Amino acid sequence: MAALLRMVANTYDGQTMTNVQAIIGRALSDRAFCEQLISNPEATLQANGIEPTPEMVDALKGLDADSVQKLAAAFGKESVAG
């Protein structure tokens, strides 16, 4: 996920980066959306106003919903502990 954010930061302008961050935040909190994003990243990103690069599509296809949910849980624990 961190590699995906770095790739996006190097590819898109500030507004698109904000949109991508919102989509990633939604994927962390909404499992159904996460599964949709992973299974059909190109269409899901386009439906949310982002024209994905082939590298972004490949990176998303390489994820799995369980790993994303574990990451979300880790963020939740960190923010509670912080």
Protein backbone atom coordinates (compact mmCIF):
# COMPACT_ATOMS: atom_id res chain seq x y z
CA MET A 1 0.00 0.00 0.00
CA ALA A 2 2.87 2.39 0.80
CA ALA A 3 4.48 1.66 -2.57
CA LEU A 4 1.17 2.43 -4.25
CA LEU A 5 0.95 5.81 -2.49
CA ARG A 6 4.53 6.67 -3.52
CA MET A 7 3.75 5.78 -7.12
CA VAL A 8 0.61 7.93 -7.05
CA ALA A 9 2.48 10.85 -5.47
CA ASN A 10 5.01 10.75 -8.30
CA THR A 11 2.35 10.48 -11.01
CA TYR A 12 -0.58 12.72 -10.15
CA ASP A 13 -1.22 16.34 -9.18
CA GLY A 14 -2.34 17.38 -5.70
CA GLN A 15 -6.10 17.13 -6.28
CA THR A 16 -5.88 13.67 -7.82
CA MET A 17 -3.60 12.59 -4.97
CA THR A 18 -6.28 13.76 -2.52
CA ASN A 19 -8.87 11.71 -4.42
CA VAL A 20 -6.62 8.63 -4.37
CA GLN A 21 -6.06 9.04 -0.63
CA ALA A 22 -9.83 9.21 -0.12
CA ILE A 23 -10.29 6.02 -2.16
CA ILE A 24 -7.59 4.25 -0.15
CA GLY A 25 -9.21 5.43 3.07
CA ARG A 26 -12.52 4.04 1.88
CA ALA A 27 -10.88 0.74 0.95
CA LEU A 28 -9.44 0.54 4.47
CA SER A 29 -12.84 1.02 6.08
CA ASP A 30 -15.26 -0.58 3.58
CA ARG A 31 -14.46 -4.21 2.76
CA ALA A 32 -16.96 -4.44 -0.12
CA PHE A 33 -15.41 -1.38 -1.77
CA CYS A 34 -11.93 -2.80 -1.11
CA GLU A 35 -12.86 -6.06 -2.85
CA GLN A 36 -14.31 -4.10 -5.78
CA LEU A 37 -11.15 -1.99 -6.03
CA ILE A 38 -8.93 -5.07 -6.01
CA SER A 39 -11.04 -7.13 -8.41
CA ASN A 40 -11.62 -4.34 -10.94
CA PRO A 41 -9.24 -1.50 -10.15
CA GLU A 42 -9.40 0.27 -13.50
CA ALA A 43 -13.19 0.62 -13.55
CA THR A 44 -13.41 1.45 -9.84
CA LEU A 45 -10.79 4.19 -10.08
CA GLN A 46 -12.34 5.61 -13.26
CA ALA A 47 -15.76 5.66 -11.59
CA ASN A 48 -14.15 7.75 -8.86
CA GLY A 49 -12.57 10.26 -11.24
CA ILE A 50 -9.07 8.81 -11.51
CA GLU A 51 -7.43 7.64 -14.71
CA PRO A 52 -5.21 4.80 -13.47
CA THR A 53 -1.82 3.96 -14.86
CA PRO A 54 -1.02 0.35 -15.78
CA GLU A 55 1.39 0.25 -12.81
CA MET A 56 -1.35 1.34 -10.40
CA VAL A 57 -3.72 -1.32 -11.75
CA ASP A 58 -1.03 -3.99 -11.34
CA ALA A 59 -0.26 -2.83 -7.79
CA LEU A 60 -3.93 -2.99 -6.78
CA LYS A 61 -4.41 -6.39 -8.35
CA GLY A 62 -1.49 -7.59 -6.25
CA LEU A 63 -3.35 -6.80 -3.01
CA ASP A 64 -5.85 -8.93 -1.17
CA ALA A 65 -8.74 -7.72 0.97
CA ASP A 66 -7.56 -9.57 4.09
CA SER A 67 -4.19 -7.79 4.02
CA VAL A 68 -5.86 -4.43 3.53
CA GLN A 69 -8.19 -5.11 6.46
CA LYS A 70 -5.22 -6.09 8.65
CA LEU A 71 -3.54 -2.83 7.70
CA ALA A 72 -6.69 -0.92 8.63
CA ALA A 73 -6.83 -2.71 11.99
CA ALA A 74 -3.18 -1.85 12.63
CA PHE A 75 -3.88 1.82 11.88
CA GLY A 76 -6.84 1.72 14.24
CA LYS A 77 -4.74 0.28 17.06
CA GLU A 78 -1.97 2.79 16.43
CA SER A 79 -4.34 5.76 16.56
CA VAL A 80 -5.89 4.49 19.80
CA ALA A 81 -2.46 3.89 21.34
CA GLY A 82 -1.11 7.24 20.08
